């Protein structure tokens, strides 16, 4: 089933990591904006974890985009949300995008609150 344009109400910026060298020649990872697209973002579940003695809150989030518009998204990407209830949040992609049976939309599984 094609994803209706009416469901794609949030705007996201796809960012991918790039390795560059700083002034002293040391390798540094930075994020580069690849494209800005529309998406449907839905929270799935949330939980609190203990990591290194600190409590961390995480949420699982599903993001749907049109198939062609998400071609730059990889498991290493992150999504900066520009509108809607997740505005200002960064979603860390946790796996490769999953296409539907017709290739019309991609499902992207993300974590909110987990750093890459």
PDB file of N, CA and C in Angstrom:
ATOM      1  N   UNK A   1       0.845  -1.174   0.000  1.00  0.00           N
ATOM      2  CA  UNK A   1       0.000   0.000   0.000  1.00  0.00           C
ATOM      3  C   UNK A   1       0.891   1.238   0.000  1.00  0.00           C
ATOM      4  N   UNK A   2       0.601   2.160  -0.877  1.00  0.00           N
ATOM      5  CA  UNK A   2       1.386   3.396  -0.951  1.00  0.00           C
ATOM      6  C   UNK A   2       1.151   4.231   0.297  1.00  0.00           C
ATOM      7  N   UNK A   3       2.171   4.939   0.690  1.00  0.00           N
ATOM      8  CA  UNK A   3       2.046   5.813   1.864  1.00  0.00           C
ATOM      9  C   UNK A   3       1.427   7.127   1.403  1.00  0.00           C
ATOM     10  N   UNK A   4       0.369   7.532   2.072  1.00  0.00           N
ATOM     11  CA  UNK A   4      -0.321   8.749   1.660  1.00  0.00           C
ATOM     12  C   UNK A   4       0.462   9.984   2.102  1.00  0.00           C
ATOM     13  N   UNK A   5       0.434  10.999   1.262  1.00  0.00           N
ATOM     14  CA  UNK A   5       1.167  12.234   1.568  1.00  0.00           C
ATOM     15  C   UNK A   5       0.657  12.872   2.850  1.00  0.00           C
ATOM     16  N   UNK A   6      -0.611  12.636   3.193  1.00  0.00           N
ATOM     17  CA  UNK A   6      -1.179  13.199   4.404  1.00  0.00           C
ATOM     18  C   UNK A   6      -0.559  12.662   5.679  1.00  0.00           C
ATOM     19  N   UNK A   7       0.052  11.480   5.623  1.00  0.00           N
ATOM     20  CA  UNK A   7       0.696  10.894   6.801  1.00  0.00           C
ATOM     21  C   UNK A   7       2.127  11.399   6.986  1.00  0.00           C
ATOM     22  N   UNK A   8       2.711  11.931   5.946  1.00  0.00           N
ATOM     23  CA  UNK A   8       4.100  12.402   6.005  1.00  0.00           C
ATOM     24  C   UNK A   8       4.117  13.856   6.469  1.00  0.00           C
ATOM     25  N   UNK A   9       3.842  14.067   7.758  1.00  0.00           N
ATOM     26  CA  UNK A   9       3.676  15.433   8.243  1.00  0.00           C
ATOM     27  C   UNK A   9       4.888  15.972   8.994  1.00  0.00           C
ATOM     28  N   UNK A  10       5.831  15.108   9.359  1.00  0.00           N
ATOM     29  CA  UNK A  10       7.030  15.589  10.032  1.00  0.00           C
ATOM     30  C   UNK A  10       8.159  15.768   9.016  1.00  0.00           C
ATOM     31  N   UNK A  11       9.070  16.660   9.342  1.00  0.00           N
ATOM     32  CA  UNK A  11      10.232  16.903   8.486  1.00  0.00           C
ATOM     33  C   UNK A  11      11.471  16.419   9.228  1.00  0.00           C
ATOM     34  N   UNK A  12      12.305  15.640   8.524  1.00  0.00           N
ATOM     35  CA  UNK A  12      13.546  15.136   9.120  1.00  0.00           C
ATOM     36  C   UNK A  12      14.728  15.474   8.220  1.00  0.00           C
ATOM     37  N   UNK A  13      15.888  15.600   8.844  1.00  0.00           N
ATOM     38  CA  UNK A  13      17.144  15.776   8.114  1.00  0.00           C
ATOM     39  C   UNK A  13      17.948  14.503   8.323  1.00  0.00           C
ATOM     40  N   UNK A  14      18.313  13.846   7.227  1.00  0.00           N
ATOM     41  CA  UNK A  14      19.144  12.646   7.295  1.00  0.00           C
ATOM     42  C   UNK A  14      20.589  13.087   7.437  1.00  0.00           C
ATOM     43  N   UNK A  15      21.275  12.553   8.450  1.00  0.00           N
ATOM     44  CA  UNK A  15      22.689  12.858   8.656  1.00  0.00           C
ATOM     45  C   UNK A  15      23.485  11.556   8.632  1.00  0.00           C
ATOM     46  N   UNK A  16      24.635  11.603   7.981  1.00  0.00           N
ATOM     47  CA  UNK A  16      25.540  10.458   7.942  1.00  0.00           C
ATOM     48  C   UNK A  16      26.902  10.858   8.498  1.00  0.00           C
ATOM     49  N   UNK A  17      27.596   9.905   9.138  1.00  0.00           N
ATOM     50  CA  UNK A  17      28.907  10.222   9.706  1.00  0.00           C
ATOM     51  C   UNK A  17      29.977  10.332   8.625  1.00  0.00           C
ATOM     52  N   UNK A  18      30.891  11.260   8.834  1.00  0.00           N
ATOM     53  CA  UNK A  18      32.030  11.455   7.940  1.00  0.00           C
ATOM     54  C   UNK A  18      33.267  11.600   8.815  1.00  0.00           C
ATOM     55  N   UNK A  19      34.353  10.976   8.400  1.00  0.00           N
ATOM     56  CA  UNK A  19      35.605  11.079   9.153  1.00  0.00           C
ATOM     57  C   UNK A  19      36.505  12.107   8.481  1.00  0.00           C
ATOM     58  N   UNK A  20      36.911  13.095   9.273  1.00  0.00           N
ATOM     59  CA  UNK A  20      37.820  14.130   8.783  1.00  0.00           C
ATOM     60  C   UNK A  20      38.994  14.219   9.750  1.00  0.00           C
ATOM     61  N   UNK A  21      39.955  15.054   9.428  1.00  0.00           N
ATOM     62  CA  UNK A  21      41.097  15.268  10.329  1.00  0.00           C
ATOM     63  C   UNK A  21      41.007  16.671  10.914  1.00  0.00           C
ATOM     64  N   UNK A  22      41.281  16.765  12.218  1.00  0.00           N
ATOM     65  CA  UNK A  22      41.276  18.078  12.855  1.00  0.00           C
ATOM     66  C   UNK A  22      42.594  18.792  12.570  1.00  0.00           C
ATOM     67  N   UNK A  23      42.791  19.968  13.166  1.00  0.00           N
ATOM     68  CA  UNK A  23      43.984  20.777  12.902  1.00  0.00           C
ATOM     69  C   UNK A  23      45.276  20.058  13.257  1.00  0.00           C
ATOM     70  N   UNK A  24      45.219  19.169  14.243  1.00  0.00           N
ATOM     71  CA  UNK A  24      46.431  18.439  14.639  1.00  0.00           C
ATOM     72  C   UNK A  24      46.610  17.139  13.857  1.00  0.00           C
ATOM     73  N   UNK A  25      45.701  16.868  12.916  1.00  0.00           N
ATOM     74  CA  UNK A  25      45.822  15.679  12.084  1.00  0.00           C
ATOM     75  C   UNK A  25      45.137  14.442  12.650  1.00  0.00           C
ATOM     76  N   UNK A  26      44.460  14.586  13.780  1.00  0.00           N
ATOM     77  CA  UNK A  26      43.767  13.455  14.394  1.00  0.00           C
ATOM     78  C   UNK A  26      42.427  13.212  13.696  1.00  0.00           C
ATOM     79  N   UNK A  27      42.058  11.935  13.491  1.00  0.00           N
ATOM     80  CA  UNK A  27      40.759  11.652  12.871  1.00  0.00           C
ATOM     81  C   UNK A  27      39.611  12.014  13.818  1.00  0.00           C
ATOM     82  N   UNK A  28      38.592  12.647  13.260  1.00  0.00           N
ATOM     83  CA  UNK A  28      37.425  13.079  14.023  1.00  0.00           C
ATOM     84  C   UNK A  28      36.178  12.707  13.225  1.00  0.00           C
ATOM     85  N   UNK A  29      35.174  12.175  13.925  1.00  0.00           N
ATOM     86  CA  UNK A  29      33.907  11.879  13.257  1.00  0.00           C
ATOM     87  C   UNK A  29      32.987  13.086  13.393  1.00  0.00           C
ATOM     88  N   UNK A  30      32.378  13.484  12.290  1.00  0.00           N
ATOM     89  CA  UNK A  30      31.413  14.580  12.298  1.00  0.00           C
ATOM     90  C   UNK A  30      30.198  14.137  11.492  1.00  0.00           C
ATOM     91  N   UNK A  31      29.114  14.879  11.595  1.00  0.00           N
ATOM     92  CA  UNK A  31      27.873  14.526  10.907  1.00  0.00           C
ATOM     93  C   UNK A  31      27.605  15.513   9.784  1.00  0.00           C
ATOM     94  N   UNK A  32      27.182  14.985   8.633  1.00  0.00           N
ATOM     95  CA  UNK A  32      26.902  15.795   7.456  1.00  0.00           C
ATOM     96  C   UNK A  32      25.431  15.624   7.084  1.00  0.00           C
ATOM     97  N   UNK A  33      24.740  16.749   6.846  1.00  0.00           N
ATOM     98  CA  UNK A  33      23.353  16.688   6.382  1.00  0.00           C
ATOM     99  C   UNK A  33      23.334  16.165   4.951  1.00  0.00           C
ATOM    100  N   UNK A  34      22.531  15.128   4.697  1.00  0.00           N
ATOM    101  CA  UNK A  34      22.444  14.539   3.357  1.00  0.00           C
ATOM    102  C   UNK A  34      21.212  15.017   2.596  1.00  0.00           C
ATOM    103  N   UNK A  35      20.055  14.961   3.249  1.00  0.00           N
ATOM    104  CA  UNK A  35      18.845  15.455   2.603  1.00  0.00           C
ATOM    105  C   UNK A  35      17.769  15.707   3.649  1.00  0.00           C
ATOM    106  N   UNK A  36      16.828  16.561   3.286  1.00  0.00           N
ATOM    107  CA  UNK A  36      15.681  16.866   4.135  1.00  0.00           C
ATOM    108  C   UNK A  36      14.453  16.274   3.465  1.00  0.00           C
ATOM    109  N   UNK A  37      13.711  15.445   4.219  1.00  0.00           N
ATOM    110  CA  UNK A  37      12.546  14.762   3.651  1.00  0.00           C
ATOM    111  C   UNK A  37      11.389  14.775   4.648  1.00  0.00           C
ATOM    112  N   UNK A  38      10.227  14.365   4.177  1.00  0.00           N
ATOM    113  CA  UNK A  38       9.039  14.233   5.022  1.00  0.00           C
ATOM    114  C   UNK A  38       8.932  12.795   5.517  1.00  0.00           C
ATOM    115  N   UNK A  39       8.367  12.647   6.723  1.00  0.00           N
ATOM    116  CA  UNK A  39       8.281  11.326   7.338  1.00  0.00           C
ATOM    117  C   UNK A  39       7.051  11.224   8.229  1.00  0.00           C
ATOM    118  N   UNK A  40       6.708   9.999   8.563  1.00  0.00           N
ATOM    119  CA  UNK A  40       5.685   9.692   9.565  1.00  0.00           C
ATOM    120  C   UNK A  40       6.434   9.057  10.732  1.00  0.00           C
ATOM    121  N   UNK A  41       6.431   9.704  11.898  1.00  0.00           N
ATOM    122  CA  UNK A  41       7.210   9.251  13.053  1.00  0.00           C
ATOM    123  C   UNK A  41       6.252   8.811  14.145  1.00  0.00           C
ATOM    124  N   UNK A  42       6.479   7.592  14.660  1.00  0.00           N
ATOM    125  CA  UNK A  42       5.621   7.051  15.718  1.00  0.00           C
ATOM    126  C   UNK A  42       6.462   6.379  16.789  1.00  0.00           C
ATOM    127  N   UNK A  43       6.192   6.729  18.038  1.00  0.00           N
ATOM    128  CA  UNK A  43       6.853   6.068  19.154  1.00  0.00           C
ATOM    129  C   UNK A  43       6.289   4.671  19.347  1.00  0.00           C
ATOM    130  N   UNK A  44       7.144   3.720  19.719  1.00  0.00           N
ATOM    131  CA  UNK A  44       6.704   2.340  19.955  1.00  0.00           C
ATOM    132  C   UNK A  44       6.680   2.013  21.432  1.00  0.00           C
ATOM    133  N   UNK A  45       7.797   2.193  22.104  1.00  0.00           N
ATOM    134  CA  UNK A  45       7.881   1.845  23.522  1.00  0.00           C
ATOM    135  C   UNK A  45       9.029   2.614  24.150  1.00  0.00           C
ATOM    136  N   UNK A  46       9.017   2.669  25.463  1.00  0.00           N
ATOM    137  CA  UNK A  46      10.090   3.337  26.187  1.00  0.00           C
ATOM    138  C   UNK A  46      10.536   2.483  27.359  1.00  0.00           C
ATOM    139  N   UNK A  47      11.740   2.743  27.852  1.00  0.00           N
ATOM    140  CA  UNK A  47      12.258   1.985  28.991  1.00  0.00           C
ATOM    141  C   UNK A  47      13.392   2.768  29.624  1.00  0.00           C
ATOM    142  N   UNK A  48      13.710   2.368  30.836  1.00  0.00           N
ATOM    143  CA  UNK A  48      14.846   2.956  31.539  1.00  0.00           C
ATOM    144  C   UNK A  48      15.872   1.867  31.765  1.00  0.00           C
ATOM    145  N   UNK A  49      17.143   2.188  31.539  1.00  0.00           N
ATOM    146  CA  UNK A  49      18.234   1.229  31.651  1.00  0.00           C
ATOM    147  C   UNK A  49      19.286   1.755  32.606  1.00  0.00           C
ATOM    148  N   UNK A  50      20.072   0.845  33.132  1.00  0.00           N
ATOM    149  CA  UNK A  50      21.244   1.227  33.913  1.00  0.00           C
ATOM    150  C   UNK A  50      22.471   0.961  33.043  1.00  0.00           C
ATOM    151  N   UNK A  51      23.286   1.974  32.835  1.00  0.00           N
ATOM    152  CA  UNK A  51      24.514   1.832  32.054  1.00  0.00           C
ATOM    153  C   UNK A  51      25.612   2.582  32.783  1.00  0.00           C
ATOM    154  N   UNK A  52      26.674   1.881  33.108  1.00  0.00           N
ATOM    155  CA  UNK A  52      27.813   2.471  33.820  1.00  0.00           C
ATOM    156  C   UNK A  52      27.355   3.193  35.084  1.00  0.00           C
ATOM    157  N   UNK A  53      26.391   2.596  35.766  1.00  0.00           N
ATOM    158  CA  UNK A  53      25.920   3.152  37.022  1.00  0.00           C
ATOM    159  C   UNK A  53      24.971   4.328  36.893  1.00  0.00           C
ATOM    160  N   UNK A  54      24.620   4.700  35.671  1.00  0.00           N
ATOM    161  CA  UNK A  54      23.709   5.826  35.457  1.00  0.00           C
ATOM    162  C   UNK A  54      22.421   5.324  34.811  1.00  0.00           C
ATOM    163  N   UNK A  55      21.318   5.918  35.194  1.00  0.00           N
ATOM    164  CA  UNK A  55      20.035   5.548  34.614  1.00  0.00           C
ATOM    165  C   UNK A  55      19.835   6.312  33.307  1.00  0.00           C
ATOM    166  N   UNK A  56      19.473   5.582  32.261  1.00  0.00           N
ATOM    167  CA  UNK A  56      19.288   6.174  30.935  1.00  0.00           C
ATOM    168  C   UNK A  56      17.890   5.832  30.442  1.00  0.00           C
ATOM    169  N   UNK A  57      17.160   6.814  29.957  1.00  0.00           N
ATOM    170  CA  UNK A  57      15.840   6.578  29.374  1.00  0.00           C
ATOM    171  C   UNK A  57      15.989   6.450  27.864  1.00  0.00           C
ATOM    172  N   UNK A  58      15.345   5.429  27.302  1.00  0.00           N
ATOM    173  CA  UNK A  58      15.374   5.204  25.860  1.00  0.00           C
ATOM    174  C   UNK A  58      13.961   4.973  25.358  1.00  0.00           C
ATOM    175  N   UNK A  59      13.731   5.275  24.098  1.00  0.00           N
ATOM    176  CA  UNK A  59      12.457   4.982  23.454  1.00  0.00           C
ATOM    177  C   UNK A  59      12.734   4.405  22.078  1.00  0.00           C
ATOM    178  N   UNK A  60      11.923   3.425  21.694  1.00  0.00           N
ATOM    179  CA  UNK A  60      11.972   2.886  20.340  1.00  0.00           C
ATOM    180  C   UNK A  60      11.009   3.699  19.487  1.00  0.00           C
ATOM    181  N   UNK A  61      11.464   4.074  18.303  1.00  0.00           N
ATOM    182  CA  UNK A  61      10.667   4.919  17.412  1.00  0.00           C
ATOM    183  C   UNK A  61      10.708   4.311  16.018  1.00  0.00           C
ATOM    184  N   UNK A  62       9.554   4.293  15.347  1.00  0.00           N
ATOM    185  CA  UNK A  62       9.479   3.864  13.947  1.00  0.00           C
ATOM    186  C   UNK A  62       9.262   5.087  13.075  1.00  0.00           C
ATOM    187  N   UNK A  63       9.983   5.120  11.966  1.00  0.00           N
ATOM    188  CA  UNK A  63       9.869   6.230  11.016  1.00  0.00           C
ATOM    189  C   UNK A  63       9.566   5.628   9.649  1.00  0.00           C
ATOM    190  N   UNK A  64       8.559   6.162   8.969  1.00  0.00           N
ATOM    191  CA  UNK A  64       8.253   5.731   7.613  1.00  0.00           C
ATOM    192  C   UNK A  64       8.504   6.889   6.662  1.00  0.00           C
ATOM    193  N   UNK A  65       9.134   6.582   5.527  1.00  0.00           N
ATOM    194  CA  UNK A  65       9.386   7.572   4.474  1.00  0.00           C
ATOM    195  C   UNK A  65       9.075   6.929   3.130  1.00  0.00           C
ATOM    196  N   UNK A  66       8.912   7.752   2.116  1.00  0.00           N
ATOM    197  CA  UNK A  66       8.746   7.205   0.760  1.00  0.00           C
ATOM    198  C   UNK A  66      10.026   6.471   0.367  1.00  0.00           C
ATOM    199  N   UNK A  67       9.884   5.416  -0.395  1.00  0.00           N
ATOM    200  CA  UNK A  67      11.015   4.560  -0.753  1.00  0.00           C
ATOM    201  C   UNK A  67      12.194   5.289  -1.361  1.00  0.00           C
ATOM    202  N   UNK A  68      11.961   6.109  -2.353  1.00  0.00           N
ATOM    203  CA  UNK A  68      13.056   6.806  -3.035  1.00  0.00           C
ATOM    204  C   UNK A  68      13.679   7.894  -2.171  1.00  0.00           C
ATOM    205  N   UNK A  69      12.881   8.509  -1.299  1.00  0.00           N
ATOM    206  CA  UNK A  69      13.403   9.635  -0.526  1.00  0.00           C
ATOM    207  C   UNK A  69      14.359   9.202   0.573  1.00  0.00           C
ATOM    208  N   UNK A  70      14.371   7.933   0.939  1.00  0.00           N
ATOM    209  CA  UNK A  70      15.233   7.479   2.021  1.00  0.00           C
ATOM    210  C   UNK A  70      16.468   6.734   1.574  1.00  0.00           C
ATOM    211  N   UNK A  71      16.889   6.931   0.329  1.00  0.00           N
ATOM    212  CA  UNK A  71      18.018   6.165  -0.208  1.00  0.00           C
ATOM    213  C   UNK A  71      19.346   6.455   0.475  1.00  0.00           C
ATOM    214  N   UNK A  72      19.493   7.593   1.139  1.00  0.00           N
ATOM    215  CA  UNK A  72      20.766   7.909   1.804  1.00  0.00           C
ATOM    216  C   UNK A  72      20.800   7.416   3.251  1.00  0.00           C
ATOM    217  N   UNK A  73      19.717   6.786   3.722  1.00  0.00           N
ATOM    218  CA  UNK A  73      19.665   6.298   5.104  1.00  0.00           C
ATOM    219  C   UNK A  73      20.330   4.931   5.196  1.00  0.00           C
ATOM    220  N   UNK A  74      21.272   4.807   6.134  1.00  0.00           N
ATOM    221  CA  UNK A  74      21.935   3.535   6.411  1.00  0.00           C
ATOM    222  C   UNK A  74      21.824   3.256   7.910  1.00  0.00           C
ATOM    223  N   UNK A  75      22.324   2.110   8.336  1.00  0.00           N
ATOM    224  CA  UNK A  75      22.317   1.769   9.761  1.00  0.00           C
ATOM    225  C   UNK A  75      23.210   2.715  10.566  1.00  0.00           C
ATOM    226  N   UNK A  76      24.110   3.434   9.908  1.00  0.00           N
ATOM    227  CA  UNK A  76      25.008   4.376  10.593  1.00  0.00           C
ATOM    228  C   UNK A  76      24.428   5.787  10.664  1.00  0.00           C
ATOM    229  N   UNK A  77      23.282   6.012  10.048  1.00  0.00           N
ATOM    230  CA  UNK A  77      22.688   7.355   9.973  1.00  0.00           C
ATOM    231  C   UNK A  77      22.025   7.761  11.282  1.00  0.00           C
ATOM    232  N   UNK A  78      21.693   9.036  11.337  1.00  0.00           N
ATOM    233  CA  UNK A  78      20.808   9.540  12.380  1.00  0.00           C
ATOM    234  C   UNK A  78      19.854  10.525  11.720  1.00  0.00           C
ATOM    235  N   UNK A  79      18.716  10.742  12.365  1.00  0.00           N
ATOM    236  CA  UNK A  79      17.681  11.603  11.817  1.00  0.00           C
ATOM    237  C   UNK A  79      17.425  12.747  12.784  1.00  0.00           C
ATOM    238  N   UNK A  80      17.581  13.968  12.314  1.00  0.00           N
ATOM    239  CA  UNK A  80      17.281  15.150  13.139  1.00  0.00           C
ATOM    240  C   UNK A  80      15.865  15.590  12.787  1.00  0.00           C
ATOM    241  N   UNK A  81      14.996  15.591  13.781  1.00  0.00           N
ATOM    242  CA  UNK A  81      13.586  15.894  13.552  1.00  0.00           C
ATOM    243  C   UNK A  81      13.373  17.403  13.626  1.00  0.00           C
ATOM    244  N   UNK A  82      12.738  17.954  12.592  1.00  0.00           N
ATOM    245  CA  UNK A  82      12.550  19.396  12.471  1.00  0.00           C
ATOM    246  C   UNK A  82      11.140  19.867  12.814  1.00  0.00           C
ATOM    247  N   UNK A  83      10.171  18.935  12.908  1.00  0.00           N
ATOM    248  CA  UNK A  83       8.792  19.337  13.188  1.00  0.00           C
ATOM    249  C   UNK A  83       8.058  18.224  13.918  1.00  0.00           C
ATOM    250  N   UNK A  84       6.893  18.559  14.460  1.00  0.00           N
ATOM    251  CA  UNK A  84       6.068  17.572  15.148  1.00  0.00           C
ATOM    252  C   UNK A  84       6.480  17.368  16.597  1.00  0.00           C
ATOM    253  N   UNK A  85       5.928  16.345  17.249  1.00  0.00           N
ATOM    254  CA  UNK A  85       6.182  16.133  18.678  1.00  0.00           C
ATOM    255  C   UNK A  85       7.632  15.783  19.015  1.00  0.00           C
ATOM    256  N   UNK A  86       8.394  15.298  18.056  1.00  0.00           N
ATOM    257  CA  UNK A  86       9.804  14.961  18.287  1.00  0.00           C
ATOM    258  C   UNK A  86      10.745  16.080  17.836  1.00  0.00           C
ATOM    259  N   UNK A  87      10.208  17.244  17.544  1.00  0.00           N
ATOM    260  CA  UNK A  87      11.008  18.381  17.056  1.00  0.00           C
ATOM    261  C   UNK A  87      12.207  18.638  17.971  1.00  0.00           C
ATOM    262  N   UNK A  88      13.380  18.799  17.356  1.00  0.00           N
ATOM    263  CA  UNK A  88      14.602  19.067  18.112  1.00  0.00           C
ATOM    264  C   UNK A  88      15.310  17.818  18.611  1.00  0.00           C
ATOM    265  N   UNK A  89      14.700  16.657  18.427  1.00  0.00           N
ATOM    266  CA  UNK A  89      15.299  15.397  18.885  1.00  0.00           C
ATOM    267  C   UNK A  89      16.119  14.770  17.767  1.00  0.00           C
ATOM    268  N   UNK A  90      17.101  13.970  18.172  1.00  0.00           N
ATOM    269  CA  UNK A  90      17.900  13.205  17.223  1.00  0.00           C
ATOM    270  C   UNK A  90      17.579  11.735  17.419  1.00  0.00           C
ATOM    271  N   UNK A  91      17.177  11.067  16.340  1.00  0.00           N
ATOM    272  CA  UNK A  91      16.854   9.649  16.367  1.00  0.00           C
ATOM    273  C   UNK A  91      18.021   8.876  15.769  1.00  0.00           C
ATOM    274  N   UNK A  92      18.553   7.921  16.503  1.00  0.00           N
ATOM    275  CA  UNK A  92      19.664   7.106  16.024  1.00  0.00           C
ATOM    276  C   UNK A  92      19.127   5.864  15.329  1.00  0.00           C
ATOM    277  N   UNK A  93      19.454   5.710  14.058  1.00  0.00           N
ATOM    278  CA  UNK A  93      19.008   4.557  13.277  1.00  0.00           C
ATOM    279  C   UNK A  93      19.712   3.317  13.819  1.00  0.00           C
ATOM    280  N   UNK A  94      18.958   2.228  14.036  1.00  0.00           N
ATOM    281  CA  UNK A  94      19.550   1.022  14.629  1.00  0.00           C
ATOM    282  C   UNK A  94      19.635  -0.152  13.667  1.00  0.00           C
ATOM    283  N   UNK A  95      19.213   0.031  12.438  1.00  0.00           N
ATOM    284  CA  UNK A  95      19.311  -1.042  11.455  1.00  0.00           C
ATOM    285  C   UNK A  95      19.060  -0.484  10.071  1.00  0.00           C
ATOM    286  N   UNK A  96      19.290  -1.288   9.053  1.00  0.00           N
ATOM    287  CA  UNK A  96      19.048  -0.798   7.696  1.00  0.00           C
ATOM    288  C   UNK A  96      17.559  -0.569   7.471  1.00  0.00           C
ATOM    289  N   UNK A  97      17.195   0.376   6.614  1.00  0.00           N
ATOM    290  CA  UNK A  97      15.784   0.603   6.305  1.00  0.00           C
ATOM    291  C   UNK A  97      15.153  -0.657   5.715  1.00  0.00           C
ATOM    292  N   UNK A  98      13.894  -0.905   6.074  1.00  0.00           N
ATOM    293  CA  UNK A  98      13.177  -2.095   5.622  1.00  0.00           C
ATOM    294  C   UNK A  98      12.126  -1.658   4.604  1.00  0.00           C
ATOM    295  N   UNK A  99      12.266  -2.083   3.334  1.00  0.00           N
ATOM    296  CA  UNK A  99      11.278  -1.685   2.328  1.00  0.00           C
ATOM    297  C   UNK A  99      10.002  -2.519   2.454  1.00  0.00           C
ATOM    298  N   UNK A 100       8.859  -1.928   2.063  1.00  0.00           N
ATOM    299  CA  UNK A 100       7.633  -2.718   2.002  1.00  0.00           C
ATOM    300  C   UNK A 100       7.681  -3.587   0.749  1.00  0.00           C
ATOM    301  N   UNK A 101       6.669  -4.425   0.568  1.00  0.00           N
ATOM    302  CA  UNK A 101       6.689  -5.391  -0.533  1.00  0.00           C
ATOM    303  C   UNK A 101       6.708  -4.749  -1.914  1.00  0.00           C
ATOM    304  N   UNK A 102       6.220  -3.524  -2.050  1.00  0.00           N
ATOM    305  CA  UNK A 102       6.211  -2.840  -3.346  1.00  0.00           C
ATOM    306  C   UNK A 102       7.362  -1.860  -3.511  1.00  0.00           C
ATOM    307  N   UNK A 103       8.139  -1.656  -2.461  1.00  0.00           N
ATOM    308  CA  UNK A 103       9.241  -0.704  -2.526  1.00  0.00           C
ATOM    309  C   UNK A 103       8.791   0.744  -2.506  1.00  0.00           C
ATOM    310  N   UNK A 104       7.546   0.981  -2.077  1.00  0.00           N
ATOM    311  CA  UNK A 104       7.006   2.341  -2.074  1.00  0.00           C
ATOM    312  C   UNK A 104       7.341   3.110  -0.808  1.00  0.00           C
ATOM    313  N   UNK A 105       7.628   2.401   0.277  1.00  0.00           N
ATOM    314  CA  UNK A 105       7.978   3.077   1.522  1.00  0.00           C
ATOM    315  C   UNK A 105       9.029   2.278   2.265  1.00  0.00           C
ATOM    316  N   UNK A 106       9.739   2.977   3.141  1.00  0.00           N
ATOM    317  CA  UNK A 106      10.765   2.356   3.972  1.00  0.00           C
ATOM    318  C   UNK A 106      10.387   2.539   5.431  1.00  0.00           C
ATOM    319  N   UNK A 107      10.606   1.496   6.219  1.00  0.00           N
ATOM    320  CA  UNK A 107      10.439   1.584   7.661  1.00  0.00           C
ATOM    321  C   UNK A 107      11.830   1.649   8.268  1.00  0.00           C
ATOM    322  N   UNK A 108      12.055   2.642   9.131  1.00  0.00           N
ATOM    323  CA  UNK A 108      13.360   2.824   9.762  1.00  0.00           C
ATOM    324  C   UNK A 108      13.161   2.707  11.266  1.00  0.00           C
ATOM    325  N   UNK A 109      13.864   1.771  11.886  1.00  0.00           N
ATOM    326  CA  UNK A 109      13.790   1.596  13.332  1.00  0.00           C
ATOM    327  C   UNK A 109      14.866   2.447  13.975  1.00  0.00           C
ATOM    328  N   UNK A 110      14.471   3.217  14.990  1.00  0.00           N
ATOM    329  CA  UNK A 110      15.382   4.166  15.633  1.00  0.00           C
ATOM    330  C   UNK A 110      15.283   4.073  17.145  1.00  0.00           C
ATOM    331  N   UNK A 111      16.293   4.636  17.802  1.00  0.00           N
ATOM    332  CA  UNK A 111      16.301   4.800  19.254  1.00  0.00           C
ATOM    333  C   UNK A 111      16.383   6.291  19.543  1.00  0.00           C
ATOM    334  N   UNK A 112      15.640   6.695  20.549  1.00  0.00           N
ATOM    335  CA  UNK A 112      15.702   8.058  21.049  1.00  0.00           C
ATOM    336  C   UNK A 112      16.316   7.982  22.431  1.00  0.00           C
ATOM    337  N   UNK A 113      17.397   8.714  22.655  1.00  0.00           N
ATOM    338  CA  UNK A 113      18.045   8.715  23.959  1.00  0.00           C
ATOM    339  C   UNK A 113      19.305   7.879  24.015  1.00  0.00           C
ATOM    340  N   UNK A 114      19.589   7.112  22.982  1.00  0.00           N
ATOM    341  CA  UNK A 114      20.819   6.316  22.925  1.00  0.00           C
ATOM    342  C   UNK A 114      21.803   7.024  22.008  1.00  0.00           C
ATOM    343  N   UNK A 115      22.993   7.267  22.484  1.00  0.00           N
ATOM    344  CA  UNK A 115      23.995   7.983  21.687  1.00  0.00           C
ATOM    345  C   UNK A 115      24.717   7.044  20.750  1.00  0.00           C
ATOM    346  N   UNK A 116      25.070   7.555  19.580  1.00  0.00           N
ATOM    347  CA  UNK A 116      25.929   6.823  18.641  1.00  0.00           C
ATOM    348  C   UNK A 116      27.328   7.341  18.793  1.00  0.00           C
TER     349      UNK A 116
END
